[in-house]
Protein backbone atom coordinates (compact mmCIF):
# COMPACT_ATOMS: atom_id res chain seq x y z
CA MET A 1 -7.22 20.49 8.27
CA THR A 2 -5.03 18.47 10.68
CA ILE A 3 -4.57 14.96 10.99
CA ILE A 4 -6.61 14.44 13.67
CA ASP A 5 -9.49 16.54 12.43
CA ALA A 6 -9.96 13.74 9.25
CA LEU A 7 -10.58 10.89 11.81
CA HIS A 8 -14.07 9.16 11.28
CA ASP A 9 -14.36 7.84 14.60
CA ASN A 10 -16.17 9.84 17.43
CA VAL A 11 -13.50 11.07 19.41
CA ALA A 12 -14.00 12.86 22.81
CA ILE A 13 -11.36 14.30 25.29
CA VAL A 14 -13.07 14.57 28.97
CA GLY A 15 -11.26 16.29 31.98
CA VAL A 16 -11.46 14.26 35.45
CA ASP A 17 -14.00 16.05 36.87
CA GLY A 18 -16.09 15.05 33.82
CA ALA A 19 -15.71 18.38 31.61
CA MET A 20 -15.34 18.22 27.95
CA LEU A 21 -12.30 19.59 26.97
CA TRP A 22 -12.61 18.37 23.01
CA VAL A 23 -15.01 16.66 20.27
CA SER A 24 -13.71 15.82 17.09
CA PRO A 25 -15.51 16.94 13.74
CA SER A 26 -16.86 13.53 13.13
CA PHE A 27 -18.49 13.47 16.78
CA GLU A 28 -20.54 16.39 16.08
CA ARG A 29 -22.04 14.71 12.86
CA THR A 30 -22.65 11.93 14.75
CA TYR A 31 -24.07 13.41 17.99
CA GLY A 32 -25.91 16.41 15.83
CA VAL A 33 -24.17 19.18 18.07
CA THR A 34 -21.29 21.76 17.19
CA SER A 35 -18.53 21.38 19.27
CA GLU A 36 -19.18 25.20 20.85
CA GLN A 37 -22.24 23.36 22.33
CA ILE A 38 -20.24 20.60 24.20
CA VAL A 39 -17.27 22.27 25.07
CA GLY A 40 -17.31 23.00 28.84
CA ARG A 41 -20.16 21.15 29.54
CA THR A 42 -19.84 18.02 31.41
CA THR A 43 -19.68 14.47 30.99
CA TYR A 44 -22.84 13.91 33.37
CA ASP A 45 -24.90 16.84 32.26
CA LEU A 46 -24.62 15.29 28.81
CA GLU A 47 -25.83 12.46 30.02
CA ALA A 48 -28.83 13.40 31.79
CA ASN A 49 -29.89 15.39 28.69
CA ARG A 50 -29.93 12.36 26.44
CA ILE A 51 -27.15 13.69 24.29
CA PHE A 52 -25.96 10.31 25.09
CA PHE A 53 -26.72 7.13 27.57
CA PRO A 54 -24.92 5.94 29.38
CA SER A 55 -21.39 8.17 29.75
CA VAL A 56 -18.36 5.69 29.35
CA ALA A 57 -16.09 8.74 30.64
CA ALA A 58 -18.17 8.90 33.83
CA LEU A 59 -17.99 5.06 34.08
CA VAL A 60 -13.90 5.18 33.37
CA ILE A 61 -13.77 8.22 36.05
CA LYS A 62 -15.53 6.25 38.73
CA THR A 63 -13.57 3.12 38.17
CA GLY A 64 -10.01 3.75 36.71
CA GLN A 65 -10.26 1.20 34.14
CA PRO A 66 -11.08 1.17 30.64
CA VAL A 67 -14.46 0.60 29.93
CA THR A 68 -16.58 -0.28 26.94
CA VAL A 69 -20.79 0.07 26.25
CA THR A 70 -23.12 0.55 23.83
CA GLU A 71 -24.08 3.74 23.57
CA VAL A 72 -27.54 5.20 22.98
CA ASN A 73 -27.39 9.07 21.59
CA ARG A 74 -30.77 10.70 21.26
CA HIS A 75 -31.45 9.97 17.71
CA GLY A 76 -31.81 5.99 18.62
CA ALA A 77 -28.66 5.77 17.28
CA TYR A 78 -26.68 2.92 19.01
CA HIS A 79 -22.83 2.99 19.59
CA ILE A 80 -20.16 0.72 20.53
CA VAL A 81 -18.28 3.48 22.91
CA THR A 82 -14.86 2.11 25.08
CA GLY A 83 -13.39 5.04 27.54
CA VAL A 84 -9.29 4.92 28.05
CA PRO A 85 -7.90 6.63 31.37
CA ILE A 86 -4.86 8.60 30.43
CA PRO A 87 -2.91 8.86 33.54
CA ARG A 88 -0.60 11.82 34.72
CA ASP A 89 2.99 11.45 35.33
CA ASP A 90 2.37 11.12 39.08
CA GLY A 91 -0.18 8.17 38.35
CA GLU A 92 -3.22 9.82 39.12
CA LEU A 93 -6.06 10.24 35.66
CA GLY A 94 -5.05 13.18 33.97
CA PHE A 95 -8.48 12.71 31.54
CA VAL A 96 -10.64 10.58 29.51
CA VAL A 97 -10.18 9.66 25.58
CA SER A 98 -13.13 7.97 24.59
CA TYR A 99 -14.37 6.79 20.97
CA SER A 100 -16.09 4.43 18.33
CA VAL A 101 -16.80 4.41 15.18
CA ASP A 102 -19.36 6.06 13.05
CA SER A 103 -22.13 3.10 12.69
CA ARG A 104 -22.59 4.05 9.37
CA TYR A 105 -18.86 3.64 8.63
CA LEU A 106 -19.38 0.27 10.52
CA LEU A 107 -22.29 -0.60 8.06
CA GLN A 108 -20.94 0.01 4.94
CA MET A 109 -17.89 -1.96 5.54
CA HIS A 110 -19.82 -5.04 7.38
CA ALA A 111 -21.80 -4.39 3.44
CA GLU A 112 -18.47 -4.93 0.99
CA TYR A 113 -17.09 -7.91 3.82
CA GLU A 114 -20.60 -9.90 3.07
CA ASN A 115 -20.05 -8.85 -0.84
CA ILE A 116 -16.54 -10.33 -0.93
CA ASN A 117 -17.40 -13.14 1.48
CA ALA A 118 -20.25 -14.76 -1.30
CA LEU A 119 -17.77 -14.37 -3.63
CA LEU A 120 -14.81 -16.14 -1.96
CA GLU A 121 -17.74 -18.93 -1.64
CA LYS A 122 -18.19 -19.34 -5.49
CA THR A 123 -15.08 -22.31 -6.16
CA GLU A 124 -15.60 -22.65 -9.67
CA THR A 125 -14.54 -19.68 -11.50
CA GLU A 126 -13.13 -19.38 -14.92
CA ILE A 127 -9.25 -18.09 -14.27
CA PRO A 128 -9.50 -15.28 -17.54
CA ALA A 129 -7.24 -15.13 -20.18
CA ILE A 130 -4.89 -12.34 -19.82
CA PRO A 131 -2.99 -11.62 -23.34
CA GLY A 132 0.81 -11.15 -22.65
CA PHE A 133 0.05 -12.39 -18.15
CA CYS A 134 1.88 -16.14 -17.58
CA CYS A 135 0.23 -17.11 -14.91
CA VAL A 136 1.38 -21.33 -14.97
CA SER A 137 2.21 -21.92 -10.77
CA ASP A 138 -0.56 -22.18 -8.33
CA ALA A 139 0.24 -19.47 -6.98
CA MET A 140 -0.28 -17.29 -9.74
CA ARG A 141 -3.50 -19.01 -10.94
CA GLY A 142 -5.13 -18.81 -7.25
CA ILE A 143 -4.42 -14.70 -7.21
CA VAL A 144 -5.69 -14.30 -10.93
CA GLU A 145 -8.69 -16.45 -9.76
CA THR A 146 -9.62 -14.15 -7.26
CA ILE A 147 -8.64 -10.76 -9.27
CA GLY A 148 -11.39 -12.22 -11.10
CA ARG A 149 -14.20 -12.23 -8.63
CA LEU A 150 -12.82 -9.04 -7.17
CA ALA A 151 -13.75 -7.61 -10.41
CA ARG A 152 -17.44 -7.80 -9.88
CA VAL A 153 -16.97 -5.46 -6.78
CA ASP A 154 -16.05 -1.99 -6.22
CA THR A 155 -14.18 -3.18 -2.80
CA SER A 156 -10.56 -1.09 -2.20
CA VAL A 157 -7.86 -3.82 -2.61
CA LEU A 158 -4.30 -3.32 -1.73
CA ILE A 159 -1.55 -5.25 -3.43
CA THR A 160 1.39 -6.20 -1.97
CA GLY A 161 4.92 -7.93 -3.13
CA GLU A 162 8.41 -7.10 -3.31
CA SER A 163 9.42 -5.00 -6.09
CA GLY A 164 8.84 -5.85 -9.51
CA VAL A 165 6.57 -8.69 -9.64
CA GLY A 166 3.83 -7.12 -11.57
CA LYS A 167 1.82 -5.04 -9.01
CA ASN A 168 0.84 -2.93 -11.71
CA VAL A 169 0.03 -5.43 -13.98
CA LEU A 170 -2.62 -7.02 -11.89
CA ALA A 171 -3.94 -3.47 -11.20
CA ARG A 172 -4.58 -2.91 -14.61
CA LEU A 173 -6.45 -6.28 -14.68
CA LEU A 174 -8.70 -5.72 -12.14
CA HIS A 175 -9.87 -2.82 -13.80
CA HIS A 176 -10.11 -4.46 -17.42
CA LEU A 177 -12.15 -7.47 -15.85
CA SER A 178 -14.90 -4.89 -13.78
CA ASP A 179 -17.34 -2.72 -14.97
CA ARG A 180 -15.46 0.12 -15.01
CA SER A 181 -13.24 -0.85 -17.56
CA LYS A 182 -15.69 1.61 -19.34
CA GLY A 183 -13.93 4.23 -17.73
CA PRO A 184 -10.42 5.78 -16.85
CA LEU A 185 -7.42 4.07 -15.37
CA VAL A 186 -5.96 6.38 -13.55
CA GLU A 187 -2.35 5.81 -12.38
CA ILE A 188 0.07 7.66 -10.10
CA ASN A 189 3.41 6.80 -8.15
CA CYS A 190 3.35 8.00 -4.83
CA ALA A 191 6.87 7.52 -4.75
CA GLY A 192 7.95 9.28 -8.41
CA ILE A 193 6.45 12.79 -7.11
CA PRO A 194 7.91 14.96 -4.79
CA GLY A 195 5.56 15.47 -1.82
CA ALA A 196 5.44 19.32 -2.19
CA LEU A 197 4.14 18.53 -5.74
CA LEU A 198 2.17 15.22 -4.74
CA GLU A 199 -0.77 17.32 -3.40
CA SER A 200 -1.99 19.33 -6.54
CA GLU A 201 -0.97 15.69 -8.63
CA LEU A 202 -3.93 14.10 -6.80
CA PHE A 203 -6.38 17.02 -5.98
CA GLY A 204 -5.54 19.46 -8.61
CA TYR A 205 -6.02 23.22 -7.97
CA GLU A 206 -7.84 26.44 -8.54
CA THR A 207 -6.20 29.48 -10.79
CA GLY A 208 -4.08 31.29 -8.27
CA ALA A 209 -4.09 28.51 -5.64
CA PHE A 210 -0.11 28.78 -5.44
CA THR A 211 2.55 31.16 -6.99
CA GLY A 212 3.26 29.33 -10.51
CA ALA A 213 -0.26 27.68 -10.85
CA ARG A 214 -1.40 27.86 -14.54
CA ALA A 215 -4.87 30.31 -15.44
CA GLY A 216 -7.80 27.90 -14.95
CA GLY A 217 -6.88 25.63 -13.04
CA LYS A 218 -5.66 21.95 -13.28
CA PRO A 219 -8.15 18.54 -12.38
CA GLY A 220 -6.13 16.37 -10.13
CA ARG A 221 -5.23 12.20 -10.60
CA ILE A 222 -8.65 11.64 -8.43
CA GLU A 223 -11.10 13.55 -10.50
CA LEU A 224 -9.73 12.28 -13.60
CA ALA A 225 -10.30 8.58 -12.61
CA HIS A 226 -14.00 9.54 -11.80
CA GLY A 227 -16.47 6.71 -12.97
CA GLY A 228 -13.03 4.35 -13.32
CA THR A 229 -10.04 3.10 -11.17
CA LEU A 230 -7.72 5.31 -9.07
CA PHE A 231 -4.18 3.28 -8.87
CA LEU A 232 -2.09 4.07 -6.09
CA ASP A 233 1.33 2.87 -6.32
CA GLU A 234 3.85 2.77 -3.82
CA ILE A 235 1.24 4.22 -1.27
CA GLY A 236 3.65 3.62 1.88
CA GLU A 237 5.57 6.67 0.43
CA LEU A 238 2.49 8.93 0.77
CA PRO A 239 2.75 11.87 3.59
CA LEU A 240 1.24 11.85 6.88
CA GLU A 241 -0.48 15.32 6.09
CA LEU A 242 -1.82 13.80 2.27
CA GLN A 243 -2.95 10.22 4.32
CA ALA A 244 -5.72 12.08 6.08
CA LYS A 245 -6.77 13.88 2.90
CA LEU A 246 -7.29 10.50 1.00
CA LEU A 247 -8.64 9.11 3.84
CA GLN A 248 -11.46 11.87 3.78
CA VAL A 249 -11.95 11.55 0.37
CA ILE A 250 -12.24 7.37 0.69
CA GLN A 251 -15.12 8.18 3.20
CA GLU A 252 -17.24 10.74 1.56
CA LYS A 253 -16.00 10.48 -2.31
CA ARG A 254 -16.17 14.32 -2.85
CA ILE A 255 -12.72 16.29 -2.95
CA VAL A 256 -11.86 20.05 -2.74
CA LYS A 257 -9.10 21.67 -4.50
CA LEU A 258 -6.01 23.55 -3.30
CA GLY A 259 -7.30 26.46 -3.33
CA GLY A 260 -10.98 25.91 -3.88
CA THR A 261 -13.64 25.35 -1.13
CA ARG A 262 -16.16 23.81 -3.74
CA PRO A 263 -16.49 20.44 -2.80
CA VAL A 264 -16.87 17.64 -6.25
CA SER A 265 -18.22 14.44 -6.47
CA ILE A 266 -16.19 11.47 -7.37
CA ASP A 267 -17.06 8.25 -8.03
CA PHE A 268 -14.36 5.62 -8.37
CA ARG A 269 -12.87 2.55 -7.38
CA LEU A 270 -9.23 2.68 -5.48
CA VAL A 271 -6.76 -0.11 -5.95
CA THR A 272 -2.92 0.55 -3.66
CA ALA A 273 0.20 -1.02 -4.22
CA THR A 274 3.24 -1.64 -2.33
CA ASN A 275 6.41 -3.28 -2.04
CA GLN A 276 6.67 -2.15 2.13
CA ASP A 277 5.45 -3.62 5.31
CA LEU A 278 2.57 -1.20 6.14
CA ARG A 279 1.62 -3.09 9.93
CA ALA A 280 5.28 -2.32 10.59
CA LEU A 281 5.07 1.70 9.21
CA VAL A 282 1.51 1.58 11.60
CA ALA A 283 3.93 0.53 14.42
CA LYS A 284 6.28 3.39 13.33
CA LYS A 285 3.53 5.68 13.00
CA ARG A 286 4.56 6.34 9.46
CA PHE A 287 1.24 5.28 8.26
CA ARG A 288 -2.20 5.99 9.25
CA SER A 289 -3.96 2.82 11.07
CA ASP A 290 -7.10 3.75 9.79
CA LEU A 291 -5.95 4.67 6.40
CA PHE A 292 -4.93 1.14 6.32
CA PHE A 293 -7.53 -0.78 7.33
CA ARG A 294 -10.10 0.91 4.66
CA LEU A 295 -7.15 -0.12 2.14
CA ASN A 296 -6.80 -3.34 3.24
CA VAL A 297 -10.30 -4.77 2.91
CA LEU A 298 -8.88 -7.72 0.99
CA PRO A 299 -5.24 -7.51 0.54
CA VAL A 300 -4.08 -9.66 -2.42
CA ASP A 301 -0.18 -10.86 -1.98
CA ILE A 302 2.21 -11.36 -5.05
CA PRO A 303 4.87 -13.99 -4.25
CA PRO A 304 8.53 -13.27 -5.75
CA LEU A 305 9.34 -15.06 -8.70
CA ARG A 306 11.92 -17.22 -7.04
CA ASP A 307 8.63 -18.98 -5.05
CA ARG A 308 7.03 -19.88 -8.11
CA PRO A 309 9.71 -21.56 -10.31
CA ASP A 310 7.11 -23.18 -13.05
CA ASP A 311 6.41 -19.20 -14.10
CA ILE A 312 10.37 -18.38 -14.90
CA LEU A 313 10.56 -20.09 -18.16
CA PRO A 314 6.79 -18.98 -19.75
CA ILE A 315 7.55 -15.56 -18.74
CA ALA A 316 11.01 -15.78 -20.49
CA ARG A 317 9.42 -16.97 -23.59
CA PHE A 318 6.62 -14.68 -23.79
CA VAL A 319 9.20 -11.14 -23.29
CA LEU A 320 11.25 -12.71 -25.70
CA ASP A 321 8.57 -13.37 -28.65
CA ASP A 322 8.45 -9.28 -27.38
CA LEU A 323 11.89 -8.62 -27.68
CA ASN A 324 12.03 -10.29 -31.08
CA ALA A 325 9.35 -8.27 -32.05
CA LYS A 326 10.83 -5.06 -31.27
CA TYR A 327 13.99 -5.61 -32.43
CA GLY A 328 13.40 -7.45 -35.44
CA THR A 329 15.44 -10.41 -34.01
CA LYS A 330 14.34 -14.20 -33.96
CA LYS A 331 16.28 -15.22 -30.91
CA ARG A 332 15.98 -18.08 -28.47
CA LEU A 333 17.53 -19.43 -25.78
CA ALA A 334 19.66 -22.32 -25.66
CA SER A 335 18.45 -25.89 -23.88
CA GLU A 336 21.24 -25.43 -20.94
CA MET A 337 19.79 -21.69 -20.60
CA GLU A 338 16.82 -23.48 -18.82
CA SER A 339 18.24 -24.60 -16.12
CA LEU A 340 20.36 -21.76 -15.42
CA PHE A 341 17.03 -19.50 -15.19
CA ARG A 342 15.15 -21.49 -13.40
CA GLY A 343 17.93 -21.94 -10.39
CA TYR A 344 18.26 -18.35 -10.57
CA SER A 345 16.93 -16.38 -7.53
CA TRP A 346 15.55 -13.20 -9.59
CA PRO A 347 15.98 -10.29 -6.66
CA GLY A 348 14.60 -8.08 -8.98
CA ASN A 349 11.81 -10.36 -9.81
CA VAL A 350 9.72 -10.27 -13.50
CA ARG A 351 11.43 -6.53 -13.71
CA GLU A 352 14.65 -7.91 -13.67
CA LEU A 353 13.81 -10.61 -15.92
CA TRP A 354 12.77 -8.85 -18.63
CA ASN A 355 16.01 -6.81 -18.60
CA VAL A 356 18.11 -9.36 -18.27
CA LEU A 357 16.68 -10.57 -21.88
CA GLU A 358 16.69 -7.14 -23.35
CA GLN A 359 20.04 -6.93 -22.59
CA MET A 360 21.12 -10.59 -23.91
CA VAL A 361 18.97 -9.79 -27.30
CA VAL A 362 21.08 -6.63 -27.77
CA VAL A 363 24.05 -7.63 -27.38
CA SER A 364 24.43 -11.20 -28.27
CA ARG A 365 25.55 -11.61 -31.84
CA GLY A 366 24.22 -15.35 -32.52
CA SER A 367 20.89 -15.98 -32.88
CA ILE A 368 21.07 -18.54 -29.70
CA ILE A 369 21.45 -17.45 -26.16
CA GLY A 370 23.70 -19.01 -24.63
CA PRO A 371 25.55 -19.18 -20.89
CA GLY A 372 28.42 -17.07 -22.20
CA ASP A 373 25.87 -14.47 -23.12
CA LEU A 374 24.90 -13.58 -19.43
CA PRO A 375 25.41 -10.57 -17.43
CA ARG A 376 27.85 -11.08 -15.02
CA HIS A 377 25.63 -10.39 -12.05
CA MET A 378 23.35 -13.68 -12.94
CA GLN A 379 26.77 -15.59 -12.36
CA PRO A 380 27.57 -15.42 -8.77
CA HIS A 381 28.64 -19.23 -8.02
CA GLN A 382 30.70 -19.23 -11.24
CA VAL A 383 34.31 -19.15 -9.27
CA ALA A 384 37.28 -18.68 -11.58
CA LEU A 385 40.40 -18.62 -10.66
CA PRO A 386 42.32 -15.27 -9.96
CA GLU A 387 43.34 -13.72 -13.13
CA ASN A 388 45.36 -10.74 -14.00
CA GLY A 389 47.35 -10.88 -10.90
CA MET A 390 44.56 -10.74 -9.06
CA SER A 391 45.15 -11.88 -5.54
CA LEU A 392 43.01 -14.31 -3.40
CA ARG A 393 42.18 -11.73 -1.23
CA GLN A 394 40.51 -9.72 -4.32
CA ALA A 395 38.61 -12.43 -5.88
CA LEU A 396 37.18 -13.31 -2.27
CA GLU A 397 36.27 -9.77 -2.14
CA ASP A 398 34.85 -9.85 -5.29
CA MET A 399 32.64 -12.56 -4.19
CA GLU A 400 31.60 -10.97 -1.55
CA ALA A 401 30.57 -8.08 -2.75
CA ARG A 402 28.32 -10.10 -5.46
CA ILE A 403 26.68 -12.06 -2.44
CA ILE A 404 25.85 -7.94 -0.80
CA ARG A 405 24.79 -6.84 -3.93
CA GLU A 406 22.07 -10.06 -4.55
CA ALA A 407 21.38 -10.04 -0.84
CA TYR A 408 20.59 -6.53 -1.00
CA ALA A 409 18.14 -6.42 -3.95
CA ARG A 410 15.93 -9.23 -2.65
CA HIS A 411 15.65 -8.00 0.92
CA GLY A 412 15.84 -4.26 0.94
CA THR A 413 16.82 -3.48 4.19
CA THR A 414 20.18 -4.00 6.61
CA VAL A 415 18.09 -5.23 9.43
CA ALA A 416 17.05 -8.23 7.16
CA VAL A 417 20.26 -8.42 4.76
CA GLY A 418 22.04 -9.34 7.91
CA ARG A 419 19.30 -12.02 9.62
CA ALA A 420 19.48 -13.80 5.86
CA LEU A 421 23.87 -13.79 5.77
CA GLY A 422 23.90 -14.15 9.93
CA ILE A 423 25.77 -11.13 10.28
CA SER A 424 24.87 -8.46 12.23
CA GLN A 425 23.15 -5.47 11.36
CA PRO A 426 25.68 -2.76 11.39
CA SER A 427 27.84 -5.27 9.65
CA ALA A 428 25.56 -5.58 6.84
CA ALA A 429 25.19 -1.39 6.78
CA ARG A 430 28.58 -1.07 6.33
CA LYS A 431 28.85 -3.92 3.79
CA ILE A 432 25.74 -2.33 1.58
CA SER A 433 27.31 1.33 1.63
CA ARG A 434 30.98 -0.47 0.75
CA TYR A 435 29.57 -2.37 -2.08
CA CYS A 436 26.31 -0.96 -3.14
CA HIS A 437 26.51 2.69 -2.60
CA GLY A 438 29.98 3.03 -3.31
CA LYS A 439 31.23 4.52 0.12
């Protein structure tokens, strides 16, 4: 199946003479015709026979301008159709592309938005108690309140935020609070499985689908989520060809396993997460716009830990209690550690906080964890005189390395690091390559 075949839009390509050159599968379903019955005929003929009326392509050919009309097909269904002229290299009209969205899809989306708006109008929603989850700051309390509301409907949710902020925790909370908590929560990290294997992991396969396929086949993660929640983490890493298949599954709630022909109906609630800017990926043609809008019905963005300092110490205390139970210790933080923790930027967010505390619990000798137990990367502003014959140039280079590593961990790209530090992108790239990748 090609990517364009998976479009849910009613798309038609019409020649400058009005001849129908191509129609999408959705066009065939919407108008109740096959491509064989359409391709080769003219848009004027189809208009005269009321397959659709009026013909937006005919109006574009006549005016040479983009046109949007309300069209009715022979079944009495109305569609808002747009026609766009596509010029040749010499500027003359080459062909016309017309498109509209299936009215059934629009009605489905409208119903989902109505459900969401009704929920968001309720202002006095209690924040659910979450074992092991700290939300002291107003920002996180608002997010948890929103999650509690969204749990009441089956709307697709896209959770965004930097790496390590706890997107998977909120996805699990959403499942736990919903009626689907009686069903399974199936998680898969789209960045953690090679693209060649990801399709079989998602969709499953039948016996003999490919070399090495086990006898009896295998159910995919989507099928295993039947009756529950499917959580796709790092959705921005999903290959384009699988994006088309996922879009079709979302729309039709059916899958076909690799090597199979029989569709299997699936009922699941979809939750996705990413630390990438999907809009930017759409602009770069690396993520399908129709899938993005289908996932982004209501986004939930988690702010980084540095933007919600009120959460730092409560999370640290919870993590420390968990680690003490894990290692059979009774360690606690010295009072001066509180200001150090709140003053640190935590580029790795909650994940970094957890790792730092675990490191200190394991390696510290006493029962009180103090500043001397902090890992070196958390002391970028503690500048000591050069020791052991270290020159001033070496000391400055060491400080530059720590600043670059922290900036790269926080911002993730050479462009963003250059902008944050006031240096050019090529300079940022060279320094990151040198200090972060050892080149």
